[in-house]
Each structure stands twice: as structure tokens, then as C-alpha cells.
C-alpha atoms as a PDB file:
ATOM      1  CA  MET A   1       0.000   0.000   0.000  1.00  0.00           C
ATOM      2  CA  LEU A   2       2.582   2.494  -1.153  1.00  0.00           C
ATOM      3  CA  ILE A   3       0.165   4.852  -2.868  1.00  0.00           C
ATOM      4  CA  GLY A   4      -3.294   3.701  -1.723  1.00  0.00           C
ATOM      5  CA  LYS A   5      -5.592   5.496   0.663  1.00  0.00           C
ATOM      6  CA  GLY A   6      -3.948   5.790   4.035  1.00  0.00           C
ATOM      7  CA  SER A   7      -0.424   6.330   2.734  1.00  0.00           C
ATOM      8  CA  LYS A   8       1.329   9.637   3.074  1.00  0.00           C
ATOM      9  CA  LEU A   9       2.335   9.463  -0.588  1.00  0.00           C
ATOM     10  CA  ASN A  10      -1.357   9.426  -1.554  1.00  0.00           C
ATOM     11  CA  SER A  11      -1.941  12.616   0.411  1.00  0.00           C
ATOM     12  CA  VAL A  12       1.148  14.309  -1.021  1.00  0.00           C
ATOM     13  CA  LEU A  13       0.576  13.438  -4.673  1.00  0.00           C
ATOM     14  CA  ARG A  14      -3.134  14.292  -4.606  1.00  0.00           C
ATOM     15  CA  MET A  15      -2.545  17.313  -2.299  1.00  0.00           C
ATOM     16  CA  LYS A  16      -5.325  16.215   0.035  1.00  0.00           C
ATOM     17  CA  CYS A  17      -5.780  16.466   3.800  1.00  0.00           C
ATOM     18  CA  PRO A  18      -3.205  14.317   5.649  1.00  0.00           C
ATOM     19  CA  ARG A  19      -5.805  13.050   8.144  1.00  0.00           C
ATOM     20  CA  CYS A  20      -8.816  12.102   5.996  1.00  0.00           C
ATOM     21  CA  GLN A  21      -7.271  12.280   2.505  1.00  0.00           C
ATOM     22  CA  GLU A  22     -10.568  13.578   1.145  1.00  0.00           C
ATOM     23  CA  GLY A  23     -10.585  17.354   1.629  1.00  0.00           C
ATOM     24  CA  ASP A  24      -8.469  19.697  -0.477  1.00  0.00           C
ATOM     25  CA  PHE A  25      -5.357  21.033   1.226  1.00  0.00           C
ATOM     26  CA  TYR A  26      -5.011  24.128  -0.964  1.00  0.00           C
ATOM     27  CA  VAL A  27      -7.506  26.844  -1.802  1.00  0.00           C
ATOM     28  CA  ALA A  28      -6.488  26.765  -5.485  1.00  0.00           C
ATOM     29  CA  HIS A  29      -4.105  25.090  -7.905  1.00  0.00           C
ATOM     30  CA  PRO A  30      -0.391  25.807  -7.227  1.00  0.00           C
ATOM     31  CA  TYR A  31      -0.136  27.867 -10.425  1.00  0.00           C
ATOM     32  CA  SER A  32      -3.036  30.124  -9.490  1.00  0.00           C
ATOM     33  CA  LEU A  33      -0.751  33.053  -8.722  1.00  0.00           C
ATOM     34  CA  LYS A  34      -3.458  34.944  -6.845  1.00  0.00           C
ATOM     35  CA  ASN A  35      -3.651  32.202  -4.192  1.00  0.00           C
ATOM     36  CA  VAL A  36      -0.215  30.579  -4.491  1.00  0.00           C
ATOM     37  CA  GLY A  37       0.486  28.350  -1.496  1.00  0.00           C
ATOM     38  CA  GLU A  38      -2.668  29.372   0.364  1.00  0.00           C
ATOM     39  CA  THR A  39      -4.095  26.508   2.369  1.00  0.00           C
ATOM     40  CA  HIS A  40      -7.558  26.196   3.837  1.00  0.00           C
ATOM     41  CA  LYS A  41      -7.607  27.008   7.549  1.00  0.00           C
ATOM     42  CA  TYR A  42      -9.516  23.785   8.245  1.00  0.00           C
ATOM     43  CA  CYS A  43     -10.071  20.666   6.176  1.00  0.00           C
ATOM     44  CA  PRO A  44     -13.417  20.985   4.401  1.00  0.00           C
ATOM     45  CA  SER A  45     -14.102  17.265   4.965  1.00  0.00           C
ATOM     46  CA  CYS A  46     -12.852  16.375   8.464  1.00  0.00           C
ATOM     47  CA  GLY A  47     -12.281  19.762  10.129  1.00  0.00           C
ATOM     48  CA  LEU A  48      -8.538  19.306  10.784  1.00  0.00           C
ATOM     49  CA  LYS A  49      -6.843  22.609  11.562  1.00  0.00           C
ATOM     50  CA  TYR A  50      -3.960  22.710   9.070  1.00  0.00           C
ATOM     51  CA  GLU A  51      -1.759  25.195  10.930  1.00  0.00           C
ATOM     52  CA  LYS A  52      -0.824  23.765  14.322  1.00  0.00           C
ATOM     53  CA  GLU A  53       0.740  27.037  15.456  1.00  0.00           C
ATOM     54  CA  ILE A  54       1.790  30.383  14.068  1.00  0.00           C
ATOM     55  CA  GLY A  55       4.722  29.913  11.698  1.00  0.00           C
ATOM     56  CA  PHE A  56       4.126  26.162  11.419  1.00  0.00           C
ATOM     57  CA  TYR A  57       5.044  26.086   7.728  1.00  0.00           C
ATOM     58  CA  TYR A  58       8.411  27.818   8.139  1.00  0.00           C
ATOM     59  CA  GLY A  59       9.880  24.338   8.432  1.00  0.00           C
ATOM     60  CA  ALA A  60       8.657  23.619   4.909  1.00  0.00           C
ATOM     61  CA  MET A  61      11.533  25.801   3.695  1.00  0.00           C
ATOM     62  CA  TYR A  62      13.893  22.935   4.498  1.00  0.00           C
ATOM     63  CA  VAL A  63      11.758  20.550   2.471  1.00  0.00           C
ATOM     64  CA  SER A  64      11.628  23.066  -0.377  1.00  0.00           C
ATOM     65  CA  TYR A  65      15.415  23.372  -0.289  1.00  0.00           C
ATOM     66  CA  GLY A  66      15.734  19.588  -0.488  1.00  0.00           C
ATOM     67  CA  LEU A  67      13.343  19.448  -3.436  1.00  0.00           C
ATOM     68  CA  GLY A  68      15.307  22.176  -5.200  1.00  0.00           C
ATOM     69  CA  VAL A  69      18.594  20.352  -4.650  1.00  0.00           C
ATOM     70  CA  GLY A  70      16.980  17.130  -5.869  1.00  0.00           C
ATOM     71  CA  LEU A  71      15.793  18.905  -9.029  1.00  0.00           C
ATOM     72  CA  PHE A  72      19.279  20.300  -9.629  1.00  0.00           C
ATOM     73  CA  VAL A  73      20.984  16.935  -9.130  1.00  0.00           C
ATOM     74  CA  ALA A  74      18.467  15.132 -11.348  1.00  0.00           C
ATOM     75  CA  CYS A  75      18.906  17.689 -14.143  1.00  0.00           C
ATOM     76  CA  TRP A  76      22.682  17.711 -13.830  1.00  0.00           C
ATOM     77  CA  ALA A  77      22.866  13.899 -13.871  1.00  0.00           C
ATOM     78  CA  GLY A  78      20.451  13.767 -16.809  1.00  0.00           C
ATOM     79  CA  PHE A  79      22.549  16.201 -18.791  1.00  0.00           C
ATOM     80  CA  ASN A  80      25.751  14.302 -18.078  1.00  0.00           C
ATOM     81  CA  LEU A  81      24.175  10.948 -18.989  1.00  0.00           C
ATOM     82  CA  PHE A  82      22.141  11.900 -22.061  1.00  0.00           C
ATOM     83  CA  PHE A  83      23.812  15.090 -23.326  1.00  0.00           C
ATOM     84  CA  PRO A  84      27.480  14.887 -22.281  1.00  0.00           C
ATOM     85  CA  ASN A  85      28.523  17.538 -24.823  1.00  0.00           C
ATOM     86  CA  ALA A  86      26.061  20.197 -23.619  1.00  0.00           C
ATOM     87  CA  SER A  87      27.776  23.396 -22.577  1.00  0.00           C
ATOM     88  CA  THR A  88      27.741  24.659 -19.016  1.00  0.00           C
ATOM     89  CA  PHE A  89      25.710  27.684 -20.120  1.00  0.00           C
ATOM     90  CA  ILE A  90      22.982  25.438 -21.549  1.00  0.00           C
ATOM     91  CA  GLN A  91      22.905  23.351 -18.373  1.00  0.00           C
ATOM     92  CA  ILE A  92      22.661  26.402 -16.128  1.00  0.00           C
ATOM     93  CA  SER A  93      19.981  27.955 -18.351  1.00  0.00           C
ATOM     94  CA  VAL A  94      17.804  24.839 -18.386  1.00  0.00           C
ATOM     95  CA  ILE A  95      18.165  24.219 -14.649  1.00  0.00           C
ATOM     96  CA  SER A  96      17.412  27.883 -13.854  1.00  0.00           C
ATOM     97  CA  GLY A  97      14.400  27.894 -16.166  1.00  0.00           C
ATOM     98  CA  LEU A  98      13.031  24.693 -14.650  1.00  0.00           C
ATOM     99  CA  SER A  99      13.585  26.019 -11.144  1.00  0.00           C
ATOM    100  CA  ILE A 100      11.667  29.193 -11.914  1.00  0.00           C
ATOM    101  CA  PHE A 101       8.877  27.370 -13.760  1.00  0.00           C
ATOM    102  CA  LEU A 102       8.452  24.685 -11.077  1.00  0.00           C
ATOM    103  CA  SER A 103       8.834  26.957  -8.029  1.00  0.00           C
ATOM    104  CA  PRO A 104       5.055  27.333  -7.317  1.00  0.00           C
ATOM    105  CA  TYR A 105       4.599  23.559  -7.523  1.00  0.00           C
ATOM    106  CA  LEU A 106       7.689  22.849  -5.383  1.00  0.00           C
ATOM    107  CA  TYR A 107       6.465  25.383  -2.813  1.00  0.00           C
ATOM    108  CA  ALA A 108       3.061  23.688  -2.638  1.00  0.00           C
ATOM    109  CA  LEU A 109       4.666  20.254  -2.534  1.00  0.00           C
ATOM    110  CA  SER A 110       6.962  21.268   0.319  1.00  0.00           C
ATOM    111  CA  LYS A 111       4.027  22.462   2.456  1.00  0.00           C
ATOM    112  CA  ILE A 112       2.003  19.280   1.974  1.00  0.00           C
ATOM    113  CA  ILE A 113       5.074  17.132   2.689  1.00  0.00           C
ATOM    114  CA  TRP A 114       5.724  19.145   5.855  1.00  0.00           C
ATOM    115  CA  ALA A 115       2.113  18.734   6.989  1.00  0.00           C
ATOM    116  CA  ASN A 116       2.300  14.981   6.383  1.00  0.00           C
ATOM    117  CA  LEU A 117       5.260  14.772   8.746  1.00  0.00           C
ATOM    118  CA  PHE A 118       3.054  15.993  11.607  1.00  0.00           C
ATOM    119  CA  PHE A 119      -0.440  14.705  10.807  1.00  0.00           C
ATOM    120  CA  SER A 120      -1.366  11.039  10.438  1.00  0.00           C
ATOM    121  CA  TYR A 121      -4.117   9.309   8.507  1.00  0.00           C
ATOM    122  CA  ASP A 122      -7.228   8.503  10.514  1.00  0.00           C
ATOM    123  CA  PRO A 123      -9.748   6.292   8.691  1.00  0.00           C
ATOM    124  CA  GLU A 124     -12.491   7.333  11.122  1.00  0.00           C
ATOM    125  CA  ALA A 125     -11.881  11.080  10.843  1.00  0.00           C
ATOM    126  CA  LEU A 126     -14.728  11.661   8.390  1.00  0.00           C
ATOM    127  CA  SER A 127     -17.334   9.732  10.352  1.00  0.00           C
ATOM    128  CA  ASN A 128     -16.241  11.295  13.662  1.00  0.00           C
ATOM    129  CA  TYR A 129     -16.419  14.793  12.195  1.00  0.00           C
ATOM    130  CA  LYS A 130     -19.870  14.160  10.720  1.00  0.00           C
ATOM    131  CA  LYS A 131     -21.096  12.842  14.089  1.00  0.00           C
ATOM    132  CA  ASP A 132     -19.740  15.923  15.850  1.00  0.00           C
ATOM    133  CA  GLN A 133     -21.407  18.234  13.315  1.00  0.00           C
ATOM    134  CA  ASN A 134     -24.812  16.614  13.782  1.00  0.00           C
ATOM    135  CA  VAL A 135     -24.701  16.856  17.584  1.00  0.00           C
END
């Protein structure tokens, strides 16, 4: 169950709530520049408060840095394996362009990864929340 419901990878790739994996984590798509990186305050499905404390997502900067380094290493290795004669200028240009183009997605990905480090999947979260709302 690497990618099925209940796995952290499922929540990260679908950008869904870490606890119920049903509600959307973000207000809009990562490339919606008006709302870039803006999360819901609470999960629309299970009511989980996404920000545990003020400044909770500052730690996502470390994840974002790791993703950026991973992108650089993957591009550099790809160039050296498949295009060994490519000039340094071309390599730097492509890596810089990809970094700029992918930065909203990497930012969103880093926040959902960070949240998944602190919140766990609860298969009963939806039913418990619905019970609490009806009471």
C-alpha cells in the first residue's frame, strides 16, 4: 500500500488532507498566482486545523530546499548521462528555467510534505467529524 488510501504518498501526490485524505489542502491550484500556497484554515471534509501554530510552515523551507537540490541533481545527472557535450551555459539555463517554472509547484509540494510529517491518517476522521457536526 505504497500509494493507496492511508499512505502519506497518496496525500502528497493528490494534495489532500493528511488526516482524511478527502478534503483539499489548498484553496487553489499551485499555479493560481493569486492564491499561491494558500491553504484552507480547516479541512473541508474532516475539520482538521492545518496550521498547528503560528509559523508552522516555516519548516517547509527545508523541504523546499531539499526538493530544489533534488531537481538540480536530477537535471545535472540527466545532462551528463544523455547530453554529455552540452555546454555549461545550456545546463545552467535549463536548470534555472526549470527552477523558476516549477517553483510554485515545489512550494506547494513542500508544504504538503511538511504537513504529512506531523499529521497522520485517521480512517475514522470523516465519520467522527460528521457525528460531531450533527450533535
